[in-house]
Amino acid sequence: MSSTGDIAGRARAPRPMPTATPQGAYPEDVPASGVVDEVGYRGPTACAAAGITYRQLDYWARTALVEPSIRPAHGAGTQRLYSFRDILVLKIVKRLLDTGVGLQNIRVAVAHLRGRGVADLAGMTLMSDGASVYECTSYDQVVDLVQGGQGVFGIAVGAVWREVEASLGTLQGERTDTGETLYRHHPGDELARRRRERAG
């Protein structure tokens, strides 16, 4: 368990955290990282999938809280393009804000999430006492945190991942290599298509 907030003195001493799934191996209901970067999503789609307003999206991008990793806005008329992972982080930020976590601690949590591998995210639970955010990667860590009086609510990142994936499956995406518009696609479809091309 490790704290992603400013409460190192209050949390139990961090200990090495087990990786939920070895790098390169993914639970069958979580897409591999190569899939999500081949499809990008414009602002309105990111808002719909993350459950936020365009004003929030714009403000978070301008203040570098969550910036689009595929294509940032460069002047008037440029469309931001968000990755699947960006939208996952947007949805987590919204949930943390809704539960009263301070923006400073959310910034720390976002930086922490961006530094973790896909396999780590799949098995991660974020716990918070409303002020600080903790990362737990095992049931025992969650129990320790709750018994210590620090955990009030938790966000299972893998569950949020599946929610975002389901939402994006009904929304418009864009291929990052060709700009082709994709309608009602599943984020895993692109990986399947590329595998078929290689096999053929």
N, C-alpha and C. Protein backbone atom coordinates (compact mmCIF):
# COMPACT_ATOMS: atom_id res chain seq x y z
N MET A 1 0.85 -1.18 0.00
CA MET A 1 0.00 0.00 0.00
C MET A 1 0.88 1.22 0.00
N SER A 2 0.58 2.20 -0.80
CA SER A 2 1.34 3.44 -0.78
C SER A 2 0.39 4.59 -0.86
N SER A 3 0.78 5.71 -0.29
CA SER A 3 -0.04 6.90 -0.34
C SER A 3 0.31 7.70 -1.57
N THR A 4 -0.70 8.14 -2.31
CA THR A 4 -0.44 9.02 -3.44
C THR A 4 -0.71 10.45 -3.04
N GLY A 5 -1.04 10.66 -1.79
CA GLY A 5 -1.30 12.01 -1.32
C GLY A 5 -0.16 12.53 -0.49
N ASP A 6 -0.48 13.47 0.44
CA ASP A 6 0.56 14.11 1.22
C ASP A 6 0.57 13.61 2.65
N ILE A 7 0.21 12.33 2.85
CA ILE A 7 -0.01 11.85 4.20
C ILE A 7 0.95 10.72 4.56
N ALA A 8 2.17 10.80 4.12
CA ALA A 8 3.12 9.73 4.38
C ALA A 8 3.25 9.45 5.86
N GLY A 9 3.14 10.47 6.67
CA GLY A 9 3.28 10.28 8.11
C GLY A 9 2.10 9.57 8.72
N ARG A 10 0.91 9.68 8.10
CA ARG A 10 -0.28 9.06 8.66
C ARG A 10 -0.46 7.63 8.17
N ALA A 11 0.05 7.34 7.01
CA ALA A 11 -0.14 6.00 6.46
C ALA A 11 0.88 5.04 7.05
N ARG A 12 0.55 3.74 7.03
CA ARG A 12 1.53 2.75 7.42
C ARG A 12 2.69 2.81 6.44
N ALA A 13 3.85 2.40 6.89
CA ALA A 13 5.03 2.45 6.03
C ALA A 13 4.76 1.70 4.74
N PRO A 14 5.03 2.35 3.58
CA PRO A 14 4.79 1.66 2.31
C PRO A 14 5.61 0.38 2.23
N ARG A 15 5.04 -0.64 1.61
CA ARG A 15 5.77 -1.88 1.41
C ARG A 15 5.69 -2.22 -0.07
N PRO A 16 6.55 -3.08 -0.57
CA PRO A 16 6.50 -3.42 -2.00
C PRO A 16 5.12 -3.93 -2.37
N MET A 17 4.61 -3.44 -3.48
CA MET A 17 3.27 -3.81 -3.91
C MET A 17 3.33 -4.88 -4.98
N PRO A 18 2.54 -5.93 -4.85
CA PRO A 18 2.53 -6.96 -5.89
C PRO A 18 1.90 -6.43 -7.15
N THR A 19 2.41 -6.84 -8.29
CA THR A 19 1.80 -6.48 -9.57
C THR A 19 0.60 -7.39 -9.78
N ALA A 20 -0.51 -6.79 -10.17
CA ALA A 20 -1.75 -7.57 -10.31
C ALA A 20 -1.62 -8.64 -11.38
N THR A 21 -0.98 -8.30 -12.49
CA THR A 21 -0.80 -9.24 -13.59
C THR A 21 0.56 -8.97 -14.17
N PRO A 22 1.33 -9.98 -14.54
CA PRO A 22 2.65 -9.72 -15.11
C PRO A 22 2.55 -8.83 -16.35
N GLN A 23 3.59 -7.99 -16.57
CA GLN A 23 3.60 -7.14 -17.76
C GLN A 23 3.42 -8.00 -19.00
N GLY A 24 2.53 -7.54 -19.88
CA GLY A 24 2.30 -8.28 -21.11
C GLY A 24 1.18 -9.30 -21.02
N ALA A 25 0.69 -9.56 -19.80
CA ALA A 25 -0.44 -10.48 -19.63
C ALA A 25 -1.61 -9.68 -19.08
N TYR A 26 -2.79 -9.86 -19.64
CA TYR A 26 -3.92 -9.05 -19.26
C TYR A 26 -5.12 -9.92 -18.94
N PRO A 27 -5.92 -9.50 -17.93
CA PRO A 27 -7.17 -10.20 -17.70
C PRO A 27 -8.00 -10.14 -18.98
N GLU A 28 -8.82 -11.15 -19.25
CA GLU A 28 -9.51 -11.23 -20.52
C GLU A 28 -10.50 -10.10 -20.73
N ASP A 29 -10.95 -9.43 -19.65
CA ASP A 29 -11.90 -8.34 -19.85
C ASP A 29 -11.23 -6.97 -19.81
N VAL A 30 -9.91 -6.92 -19.88
CA VAL A 30 -9.19 -5.66 -19.93
C VAL A 30 -8.37 -5.63 -21.20
N PRO A 31 -8.51 -4.60 -22.04
CA PRO A 31 -7.79 -4.58 -23.30
C PRO A 31 -6.30 -4.39 -23.12
N ALA A 32 -5.51 -4.91 -24.05
CA ALA A 32 -4.06 -4.71 -24.02
C ALA A 32 -3.73 -3.28 -24.38
N SER A 33 -2.61 -2.78 -23.92
CA SER A 33 -2.28 -1.37 -24.08
C SER A 33 -2.13 -0.98 -25.53
N GLY A 34 -1.74 -1.90 -26.40
CA GLY A 34 -1.56 -1.55 -27.80
C GLY A 34 -2.85 -1.15 -28.48
N VAL A 35 -3.97 -1.57 -27.94
CA VAL A 35 -5.26 -1.28 -28.57
C VAL A 35 -5.64 0.17 -28.38
N VAL A 36 -5.52 0.63 -27.16
CA VAL A 36 -6.14 1.89 -26.80
C VAL A 36 -5.46 3.09 -27.45
N ASP A 37 -4.21 2.99 -27.85
CA ASP A 37 -3.53 4.13 -28.45
C ASP A 37 -3.76 4.23 -29.94
N GLU A 38 -4.37 3.23 -30.56
CA GLU A 38 -4.62 3.27 -31.99
C GLU A 38 -5.93 3.94 -32.32
N VAL A 39 -6.74 4.21 -31.31
CA VAL A 39 -7.99 4.91 -31.49
C VAL A 39 -7.99 6.11 -30.55
N GLY A 40 -8.35 7.27 -31.10
CA GLY A 40 -8.43 8.48 -30.30
C GLY A 40 -9.86 8.97 -30.23
N TYR A 41 -10.13 9.84 -29.27
CA TYR A 41 -11.49 10.31 -29.03
C TYR A 41 -11.47 11.83 -28.86
N ARG A 42 -12.36 12.50 -29.57
CA ARG A 42 -12.46 13.95 -29.47
C ARG A 42 -13.13 14.35 -28.16
N GLY A 43 -13.06 15.64 -27.86
CA GLY A 43 -13.56 16.15 -26.60
C GLY A 43 -14.97 15.74 -26.22
N PRO A 44 -15.96 15.92 -27.10
CA PRO A 44 -17.33 15.55 -26.73
C PRO A 44 -17.47 14.08 -26.37
N THR A 45 -16.74 13.21 -27.08
CA THR A 45 -16.79 11.77 -26.78
C THR A 45 -16.14 11.50 -25.43
N ALA A 46 -15.00 12.15 -25.17
CA ALA A 46 -14.32 11.98 -23.87
C ALA A 46 -15.23 12.42 -22.73
N CYS A 47 -15.94 13.52 -22.93
CA CYS A 47 -16.87 14.01 -21.90
C CYS A 47 -17.98 13.00 -21.63
N ALA A 48 -18.57 12.48 -22.71
CA ALA A 48 -19.67 11.53 -22.57
C ALA A 48 -19.22 10.26 -21.84
N ALA A 49 -18.05 9.75 -22.19
CA ALA A 49 -17.57 8.51 -21.58
C ALA A 49 -17.12 8.71 -20.14
N ALA A 50 -16.58 9.89 -19.82
CA ALA A 50 -16.09 10.15 -18.47
C ALA A 50 -17.15 10.73 -17.55
N GLY A 51 -18.27 11.19 -18.12
CA GLY A 51 -19.34 11.76 -17.31
C GLY A 51 -19.02 13.16 -16.80
N ILE A 52 -18.33 13.96 -17.63
CA ILE A 52 -17.96 15.32 -17.23
C ILE A 52 -18.48 16.31 -18.27
N THR A 53 -18.42 17.59 -17.93
CA THR A 53 -18.83 18.63 -18.87
C THR A 53 -17.64 19.04 -19.74
N TYR A 54 -17.95 19.67 -20.87
CA TYR A 54 -16.86 20.13 -21.73
C TYR A 54 -16.06 21.23 -21.03
N ARG A 55 -16.72 22.00 -20.21
CA ARG A 55 -16.02 23.05 -19.45
C ARG A 55 -14.97 22.43 -18.53
N GLN A 56 -15.34 21.34 -17.84
CA GLN A 56 -14.37 20.64 -16.98
C GLN A 56 -13.21 20.10 -17.81
N LEU A 57 -13.54 19.46 -18.93
CA LEU A 57 -12.51 18.89 -19.79
C LEU A 57 -11.52 19.97 -20.23
N ASP A 58 -12.05 21.09 -20.68
CA ASP A 58 -11.21 22.18 -21.17
C ASP A 58 -10.35 22.75 -20.05
N TYR A 59 -10.95 22.94 -18.89
CA TYR A 59 -10.20 23.50 -17.75
C TYR A 59 -9.09 22.55 -17.31
N TRP A 60 -9.39 21.26 -17.24
CA TRP A 60 -8.38 20.30 -16.81
C TRP A 60 -7.24 20.20 -17.81
N ALA A 61 -7.56 20.36 -19.09
CA ALA A 61 -6.50 20.35 -20.11
C ALA A 61 -5.64 21.60 -20.01
N ARG A 62 -6.28 22.76 -19.85
CA ARG A 62 -5.54 24.03 -19.79
C ARG A 62 -4.68 24.14 -18.54
N THR A 63 -5.11 23.49 -17.46
CA THR A 63 -4.33 23.54 -16.22
C THR A 63 -3.42 22.32 -16.06
N ALA A 64 -3.33 21.51 -17.12
CA ALA A 64 -2.43 20.34 -17.17
C ALA A 64 -2.78 19.28 -16.13
N LEU A 65 -4.04 19.23 -15.71
CA LEU A 65 -4.45 18.15 -14.80
C LEU A 65 -4.56 16.85 -15.59
N VAL A 66 -5.34 16.87 -16.67
CA VAL A 66 -5.42 15.73 -17.59
C VAL A 66 -5.37 16.29 -19.00
N GLU A 67 -4.25 16.10 -19.65
CA GLU A 67 -4.07 16.59 -21.02
C GLU A 67 -4.24 15.44 -22.01
N PRO A 68 -4.71 15.73 -23.21
CA PRO A 68 -4.84 14.67 -24.22
C PRO A 68 -3.46 14.19 -24.66
N SER A 69 -3.23 12.90 -24.57
CA SER A 69 -1.91 12.36 -24.86
C SER A 69 -1.68 12.11 -26.35
N ILE A 70 -2.77 12.03 -27.13
CA ILE A 70 -2.61 11.77 -28.56
C ILE A 70 -2.40 13.07 -29.34
N ARG A 71 -3.30 14.05 -29.12
CA ARG A 71 -3.14 15.31 -29.84
C ARG A 71 -3.67 16.46 -28.99
N PRO A 72 -2.77 17.33 -28.51
CA PRO A 72 -3.24 18.52 -27.77
C PRO A 72 -3.77 19.57 -28.73
N ALA A 73 -4.47 20.55 -28.19
CA ALA A 73 -4.99 21.63 -29.01
C ALA A 73 -3.86 22.61 -29.31
N HIS A 74 -3.70 22.97 -30.58
CA HIS A 74 -2.70 23.95 -31.00
C HIS A 74 -3.41 25.07 -31.75
N GLY A 75 -3.89 26.05 -31.04
CA GLY A 75 -4.55 27.17 -31.68
C GLY A 75 -6.00 26.88 -32.03
N ALA A 76 -6.66 27.88 -32.59
CA ALA A 76 -8.08 27.77 -32.93
C ALA A 76 -8.30 26.72 -34.02
N GLY A 77 -9.36 25.96 -33.87
CA GLY A 77 -9.73 24.97 -34.88
C GLY A 77 -9.08 23.61 -34.72
N THR A 78 -8.13 23.49 -33.80
CA THR A 78 -7.48 22.20 -33.57
C THR A 78 -8.30 21.38 -32.59
N GLN A 79 -8.54 20.13 -32.91
CA GLN A 79 -9.31 19.24 -32.04
C GLN A 79 -8.39 18.42 -31.16
N ARG A 80 -8.61 18.49 -29.85
CA ARG A 80 -7.87 17.60 -28.95
C ARG A 80 -8.29 16.16 -29.23
N LEU A 81 -7.35 15.24 -29.05
CA LEU A 81 -7.65 13.83 -29.24
C LEU A 81 -7.13 13.06 -28.02
N TYR A 82 -8.07 12.41 -27.31
CA TYR A 82 -7.77 11.71 -26.07
C TYR A 82 -7.63 10.21 -26.31
N SER A 83 -6.76 9.58 -25.57
CA SER A 83 -6.63 8.12 -25.62
C SER A 83 -7.61 7.49 -24.64
N PHE A 84 -7.77 6.19 -24.75
CA PHE A 84 -8.59 5.44 -23.80
C PHE A 84 -8.10 5.68 -22.37
N ARG A 85 -6.80 5.60 -22.18
CA ARG A 85 -6.22 5.79 -20.85
C ARG A 85 -6.50 7.18 -20.31
N ASP A 86 -6.44 8.21 -21.18
CA ASP A 86 -6.77 9.57 -20.76
C ASP A 86 -8.19 9.63 -20.20
N ILE A 87 -9.11 8.98 -20.92
CA ILE A 87 -10.52 9.03 -20.51
C ILE A 87 -10.72 8.27 -19.21
N LEU A 88 -9.99 7.18 -19.04
CA LEU A 88 -10.03 6.45 -17.77
C LEU A 88 -9.62 7.37 -16.62
N VAL A 89 -8.54 8.12 -16.82
CA VAL A 89 -8.07 9.05 -15.78
C VAL A 89 -9.09 10.16 -15.56
N LEU A 90 -9.71 10.67 -16.63
CA LEU A 90 -10.74 11.70 -16.48
C LEU A 90 -11.88 11.22 -15.59
N LYS A 91 -12.31 9.98 -15.81
CA LYS A 91 -13.42 9.44 -15.02
C LYS A 91 -13.03 9.25 -13.56
N ILE A 92 -11.79 8.84 -13.33
CA ILE A 92 -11.31 8.68 -11.95
C ILE A 92 -11.22 10.04 -11.26
N VAL A 93 -10.72 11.05 -11.98
CA VAL A 93 -10.64 12.41 -11.42
C VAL A 93 -12.02 12.89 -11.02
N LYS A 94 -13.01 12.67 -11.90
CA LYS A 94 -14.39 13.08 -11.59
C LYS A 94 -14.88 12.42 -10.32
N ARG A 95 -14.61 11.14 -10.15
CA ARG A 95 -15.07 10.44 -8.95
C ARG A 95 -14.37 10.96 -7.70
N LEU A 96 -13.08 11.23 -7.81
CA LEU A 96 -12.35 11.76 -6.66
C LEU A 96 -12.88 13.15 -6.27
N LEU A 97 -13.14 13.99 -7.25
CA LEU A 97 -13.69 15.32 -6.97
C LEU A 97 -15.06 15.22 -6.32
N ASP A 98 -15.89 14.31 -6.83
CA ASP A 98 -17.24 14.15 -6.29
C ASP A 98 -17.24 13.72 -4.83
N THR A 99 -16.17 13.06 -4.40
CA THR A 99 -16.10 12.60 -3.01
C THR A 99 -15.32 13.56 -2.12
N GLY A 100 -14.94 14.72 -2.67
CA GLY A 100 -14.34 15.76 -1.85
C GLY A 100 -12.83 15.74 -1.72
N VAL A 101 -12.14 14.95 -2.54
CA VAL A 101 -10.68 14.94 -2.50
C VAL A 101 -10.17 16.25 -3.07
N GLY A 102 -9.16 16.83 -2.40
CA GLY A 102 -8.60 18.11 -2.82
C GLY A 102 -7.85 18.00 -4.14
N LEU A 103 -7.84 19.11 -4.89
CA LEU A 103 -7.22 19.12 -6.21
C LEU A 103 -5.73 18.81 -6.15
N GLN A 104 -5.05 19.27 -5.11
CA GLN A 104 -3.61 19.00 -5.00
C GLN A 104 -3.35 17.50 -4.90
N ASN A 105 -4.13 16.80 -4.10
CA ASN A 105 -3.97 15.35 -3.96
C ASN A 105 -4.39 14.62 -5.24
N ILE A 106 -5.39 15.17 -5.94
CA ILE A 106 -5.79 14.57 -7.20
C ILE A 106 -4.67 14.68 -8.22
N ARG A 107 -3.99 15.81 -8.24
CA ARG A 107 -2.86 15.97 -9.17
C ARG A 107 -1.77 14.93 -8.88
N VAL A 108 -1.50 14.69 -7.62
CA VAL A 108 -0.51 13.67 -7.25
C VAL A 108 -0.98 12.30 -7.71
N ALA A 109 -2.27 12.00 -7.49
CA ALA A 109 -2.82 10.70 -7.89
C ALA A 109 -2.76 10.52 -9.40
N VAL A 110 -3.07 11.58 -10.16
CA VAL A 110 -3.04 11.50 -11.63
C VAL A 110 -1.62 11.21 -12.11
N ALA A 111 -0.64 11.91 -11.54
CA ALA A 111 0.75 11.68 -11.93
C ALA A 111 1.15 10.24 -11.62
N HIS A 112 0.67 9.72 -10.51
CA HIS A 112 0.97 8.34 -10.10
C HIS A 112 0.34 7.35 -11.08
N LEU A 113 -0.92 7.58 -11.46
CA LEU A 113 -1.60 6.70 -12.39
C LEU A 113 -0.90 6.68 -13.75
N ARG A 114 -0.48 7.83 -14.21
CA ARG A 114 0.18 7.90 -15.51
C ARG A 114 1.53 7.18 -15.51
N GLY A 115 2.13 7.03 -14.35
CA GLY A 115 3.42 6.36 -14.26
C GLY A 115 3.33 4.85 -14.13
N ARG A 116 2.12 4.33 -14.02
CA ARG A 116 1.95 2.90 -13.83
C ARG A 116 1.63 2.20 -15.14
N GLY A 117 2.03 0.92 -15.23
CA GLY A 117 1.75 0.12 -16.40
C GLY A 117 0.29 -0.30 -16.45
N VAL A 118 -0.13 -0.74 -17.61
CA VAL A 118 -1.51 -1.16 -17.80
C VAL A 118 -1.89 -2.30 -16.86
N ALA A 119 -0.99 -3.26 -16.70
CA ALA A 119 -1.29 -4.40 -15.83
C ALA A 119 -1.47 -3.96 -14.39
N ASP A 120 -0.69 -2.96 -13.97
CA ASP A 120 -0.83 -2.44 -12.60
C ASP A 120 -2.20 -1.79 -12.42
N LEU A 121 -2.64 -1.01 -13.40
CA LEU A 121 -3.93 -0.32 -13.30
C LEU A 121 -5.08 -1.31 -13.18
N ALA A 122 -4.98 -2.42 -13.91
CA ALA A 122 -6.07 -3.39 -13.94
C ALA A 122 -6.41 -3.93 -12.55
N GLY A 123 -5.41 -4.06 -11.68
CA GLY A 123 -5.66 -4.64 -10.37
C GLY A 123 -5.59 -3.65 -9.22
N MET A 124 -5.62 -2.37 -9.53
CA MET A 124 -5.45 -1.33 -8.52
C MET A 124 -6.78 -0.87 -7.94
N THR A 125 -6.78 -0.59 -6.64
CA THR A 125 -7.91 0.07 -5.99
C THR A 125 -7.39 1.34 -5.36
N LEU A 126 -8.06 2.46 -5.65
CA LEU A 126 -7.71 3.72 -5.01
C LEU A 126 -8.64 3.90 -3.82
N MET A 127 -8.06 4.15 -2.66
CA MET A 127 -8.84 4.38 -1.45
C MET A 127 -8.61 5.82 -1.02
N SER A 128 -9.63 6.41 -0.41
CA SER A 128 -9.48 7.77 0.07
C SER A 128 -10.27 7.99 1.35
N ASP A 129 -9.77 8.91 2.16
CA ASP A 129 -10.49 9.32 3.36
C ASP A 129 -11.18 10.66 3.11
N GLY A 130 -11.24 11.07 1.85
CA GLY A 130 -11.85 12.34 1.49
C GLY A 130 -10.83 13.45 1.37
N ALA A 131 -9.63 13.23 1.88
CA ALA A 131 -8.58 14.25 1.79
C ALA A 131 -7.39 13.73 1.01
N SER A 132 -6.98 12.50 1.30
CA SER A 132 -5.81 11.92 0.66
C SER A 132 -6.20 10.65 -0.09
N VAL A 133 -5.32 10.25 -1.02
CA VAL A 133 -5.57 9.08 -1.85
C VAL A 133 -4.48 8.05 -1.62
N TYR A 134 -4.89 6.78 -1.50
CA TYR A 134 -3.96 5.67 -1.29
C TYR A 134 -4.14 4.66 -2.41
N GLU A 135 -3.06 4.00 -2.75
CA GLU A 135 -3.12 2.92 -3.74
C GLU A 135 -3.05 1.59 -3.03
N CYS A 136 -3.96 0.70 -3.37
CA CYS A 136 -3.95 -0.66 -2.83
C CYS A 136 -3.97 -1.64 -4.00
N THR A 137 -3.15 -2.66 -3.92
CA THR A 137 -3.14 -3.67 -4.99
C THR A 137 -3.48 -5.06 -4.46
N SER A 138 -3.93 -5.14 -3.21
CA SER A 138 -4.37 -6.42 -2.68
C SER A 138 -5.50 -6.20 -1.68
N TYR A 139 -6.27 -7.24 -1.47
CA TYR A 139 -7.39 -7.17 -0.52
C TYR A 139 -6.88 -6.85 0.88
N ASP A 140 -5.76 -7.44 1.26
CA ASP A 140 -5.19 -7.20 2.59
C ASP A 140 -4.85 -5.73 2.80
N GLN A 141 -4.35 -5.07 1.76
CA GLN A 141 -4.02 -3.66 1.89
C GLN A 141 -5.27 -2.82 2.09
N VAL A 142 -6.35 -3.18 1.39
CA VAL A 142 -7.61 -2.47 1.56
C VAL A 142 -8.10 -2.63 3.00
N VAL A 143 -8.07 -3.85 3.50
CA VAL A 143 -8.52 -4.12 4.88
C VAL A 143 -7.67 -3.36 5.89
N ASP A 144 -6.35 -3.37 5.70
CA ASP A 144 -5.46 -2.65 6.62
C ASP A 144 -5.79 -1.16 6.66
N LEU A 145 -6.08 -0.61 5.50
CA LEU A 145 -6.36 0.82 5.41
C LEU A 145 -7.68 1.16 6.10
N VAL A 146 -8.70 0.34 5.86
CA VAL A 146 -10.01 0.58 6.47
C VAL A 146 -9.92 0.41 7.98
N GLN A 147 -9.23 -0.64 8.44
CA GLN A 147 -9.10 -0.86 9.89
C GLN A 147 -8.31 0.24 10.56
N GLY A 148 -7.41 0.87 9.79
CA GLY A 148 -6.64 1.98 10.35
C GLY A 148 -7.41 3.28 10.36
N GLY A 149 -8.64 3.25 9.88
CA GLY A 149 -9.48 4.43 9.92
C GLY A 149 -9.22 5.41 8.80
N GLN A 150 -8.43 5.02 7.79
CA GLN A 150 -8.08 5.97 6.75
C GLN A 150 -8.92 5.83 5.49
N GLY A 151 -9.44 4.64 5.22
CA GLY A 151 -10.19 4.43 3.98
C GLY A 151 -11.67 4.65 4.18
N VAL A 152 -12.26 5.55 3.44
CA VAL A 152 -13.69 5.81 3.52
C VAL A 152 -14.39 5.28 2.28
N PHE A 153 -13.79 5.43 1.12
CA PHE A 153 -14.37 4.91 -0.10
C PHE A 153 -13.26 4.40 -0.99
N GLY A 154 -13.63 3.55 -1.93
CA GLY A 154 -12.63 3.00 -2.83
C GLY A 154 -13.09 3.05 -4.27
N ILE A 155 -12.13 3.14 -5.17
CA ILE A 155 -12.40 3.11 -6.60
C ILE A 155 -11.61 1.95 -7.19
N ALA A 156 -12.30 0.92 -7.66
CA ALA A 156 -11.63 -0.19 -8.32
C ALA A 156 -11.35 0.23 -9.76
N VAL A 157 -10.09 0.47 -10.07
CA VAL A 157 -9.74 1.01 -11.39
C VAL A 157 -10.16 0.06 -12.51
N GLY A 158 -10.04 -1.26 -12.29
CA GLY A 158 -10.45 -2.22 -13.31
C GLY A 158 -11.93 -2.10 -13.65
N ALA A 159 -12.76 -1.83 -12.63
CA ALA A 159 -14.20 -1.68 -12.87
C ALA A 159 -14.49 -0.40 -13.65
N VAL A 160 -13.78 0.68 -13.32
CA VAL A 160 -13.94 1.93 -14.05
C VAL A 160 -13.51 1.73 -15.50
N TRP A 161 -12.43 0.97 -15.69
CA TRP A 161 -11.93 0.65 -17.03
C TRP A 161 -13.04 0.02 -17.87
N ARG A 162 -13.73 -0.98 -17.29
CA ARG A 162 -14.79 -1.66 -18.04
C ARG A 162 -15.96 -0.73 -18.35
N GLU A 163 -16.26 0.20 -17.42
CA GLU A 163 -17.32 1.17 -17.67
C GLU A 163 -16.97 2.08 -18.84
N VAL A 164 -15.72 2.57 -18.86
CA VAL A 164 -15.28 3.44 -19.95
C VAL A 164 -15.29 2.68 -21.27
N GLU A 165 -14.82 1.44 -21.23
CA GLU A 165 -14.79 0.61 -22.43
C GLU A 165 -16.19 0.41 -22.99
N ALA A 166 -17.17 0.15 -22.11
CA ALA A 166 -18.55 -0.04 -22.55
C ALA A 166 -19.12 1.24 -23.14
N SER A 167 -18.83 2.38 -22.53
CA SER A 167 -19.32 3.67 -23.05
C SER A 167 -18.73 3.96 -24.42
N LEU A 168 -17.42 3.77 -24.56
CA LEU A 168 -16.77 4.08 -25.83
C LEU A 168 -17.21 3.14 -26.94
N GLY A 169 -17.70 1.96 -26.58
CA GLY A 169 -18.19 1.02 -27.58
C GLY A 169 -19.42 1.51 -28.31
N THR A 170 -20.08 2.54 -27.77
CA THR A 170 -21.28 3.09 -28.40
C THR A 170 -21.05 4.50 -28.93
N LEU A 171 -19.81 4.99 -28.84
CA LEU A 171 -19.51 6.36 -29.24
C LEU A 171 -18.53 6.40 -30.41
N GLN A 172 -18.33 7.57 -30.93
CA GLN A 172 -17.49 7.75 -32.11
C GLN A 172 -16.02 7.89 -31.73
N GLY A 173 -15.17 7.16 -32.44
CA GLY A 173 -13.73 7.25 -32.25
C GLY A 173 -13.05 7.62 -33.55
N GLU A 174 -11.74 7.71 -33.50
CA GLU A 174 -10.98 8.11 -34.69
C GLU A 174 -9.66 7.35 -34.70
N ARG A 175 -9.35 6.73 -35.82
CA ARG A 175 -8.07 6.04 -35.92
C ARG A 175 -6.95 7.06 -35.93
N THR A 176 -5.93 6.84 -35.10
CA THR A 176 -4.88 7.82 -34.96
C THR A 176 -3.92 7.82 -36.14
N ASP A 177 -3.87 6.72 -36.90
CA ASP A 177 -2.93 6.68 -38.02
C ASP A 177 -3.52 7.23 -39.31
N THR A 178 -4.82 7.06 -39.52
CA THR A 178 -5.44 7.49 -40.77
C THR A 178 -6.47 8.60 -40.58
N GLY A 179 -6.93 8.81 -39.36
CA GLY A 179 -7.98 9.80 -39.13
C GLY A 179 -9.37 9.29 -39.45
N GLU A 180 -9.47 8.01 -39.83
CA GLU A 180 -10.76 7.41 -40.17
C GLU A 180 -11.70 7.44 -38.97
N THR A 181 -12.94 7.85 -39.20
CA THR A 181 -13.93 7.89 -38.14
C THR A 181 -14.49 6.49 -37.90
N LEU A 182 -14.60 6.11 -36.66
CA LEU A 182 -15.11 4.80 -36.28
C LEU A 182 -16.39 4.99 -35.49
N TYR A 183 -17.43 4.27 -35.86
CA TYR A 183 -18.72 4.36 -35.18
C TYR A 183 -19.03 3.05 -34.46
N ARG A 184 -19.55 3.18 -33.25
CA ARG A 184 -20.02 2.03 -32.48
C ARG A 184 -19.02 0.87 -32.53
N HIS A 185 -17.77 1.18 -32.26
CA HIS A 185 -16.73 0.16 -32.26
C HIS A 185 -16.43 -0.26 -30.83
N HIS A 186 -15.78 -1.37 -30.70
CA HIS A 186 -15.31 -1.84 -29.40
C HIS A 186 -13.81 -1.60 -29.37
N PRO A 187 -13.25 -1.04 -28.27
CA PRO A 187 -11.82 -0.75 -28.24
C PRO A 187 -10.95 -1.96 -28.56
N GLY A 188 -11.46 -3.18 -28.36
CA GLY A 188 -10.67 -4.37 -28.68
C GLY A 188 -10.73 -4.76 -30.15
N ASP A 189 -11.64 -4.14 -30.92
CA ASP A 189 -11.78 -4.51 -32.33
C ASP A 189 -10.53 -4.23 -33.14
N GLU A 190 -9.87 -3.14 -32.83
CA GLU A 190 -8.69 -2.74 -33.62
C GLU A 190 -7.57 -3.76 -33.48
N LEU A 191 -7.38 -4.29 -32.27
CA LEU A 191 -6.35 -5.31 -32.07
C LEU A 191 -6.69 -6.56 -32.87
N ALA A 192 -7.94 -6.98 -32.85
CA ALA A 192 -8.35 -8.17 -33.60
C ALA A 192 -8.12 -7.97 -35.09
N ARG A 193 -8.43 -6.78 -35.60
CA ARG A 193 -8.23 -6.50 -37.03
C ARG A 193 -6.76 -6.61 -37.39
N ARG A 194 -5.87 -6.04 -36.58
CA ARG A 194 -4.44 -6.06 -36.88
C ARG A 194 -3.89 -7.49 -36.82
N ARG A 195 -4.41 -8.28 -35.91
CA ARG A 195 -3.96 -9.68 -35.83
C ARG A 195 -4.37 -10.44 -37.09
N ARG A 196 -5.58 -10.17 -37.59
CA ARG A 196 -6.04 -10.81 -38.82
C ARG A 196 -5.18 -10.41 -40.01
N GLU A 197 -4.81 -9.14 -40.06
CA GLU A 197 -3.96 -8.65 -41.16
C GLU A 197 -2.60 -9.33 -41.15
N ARG A 198 -2.03 -9.49 -39.94
CA ARG A 198 -0.72 -10.13 -39.84
C ARG A 198 -0.80 -11.60 -40.23
N ALA A 199 -1.91 -12.25 -39.81
CA ALA A 199 -2.06 -13.68 -40.11
C ALA A 199 -2.31 -13.91 -41.60
N GLY A 200 -3.00 -12.96 -42.25
CA GLY A 200 -3.34 -13.12 -43.66
C GLY A 200 -2.20 -12.75 -44.54
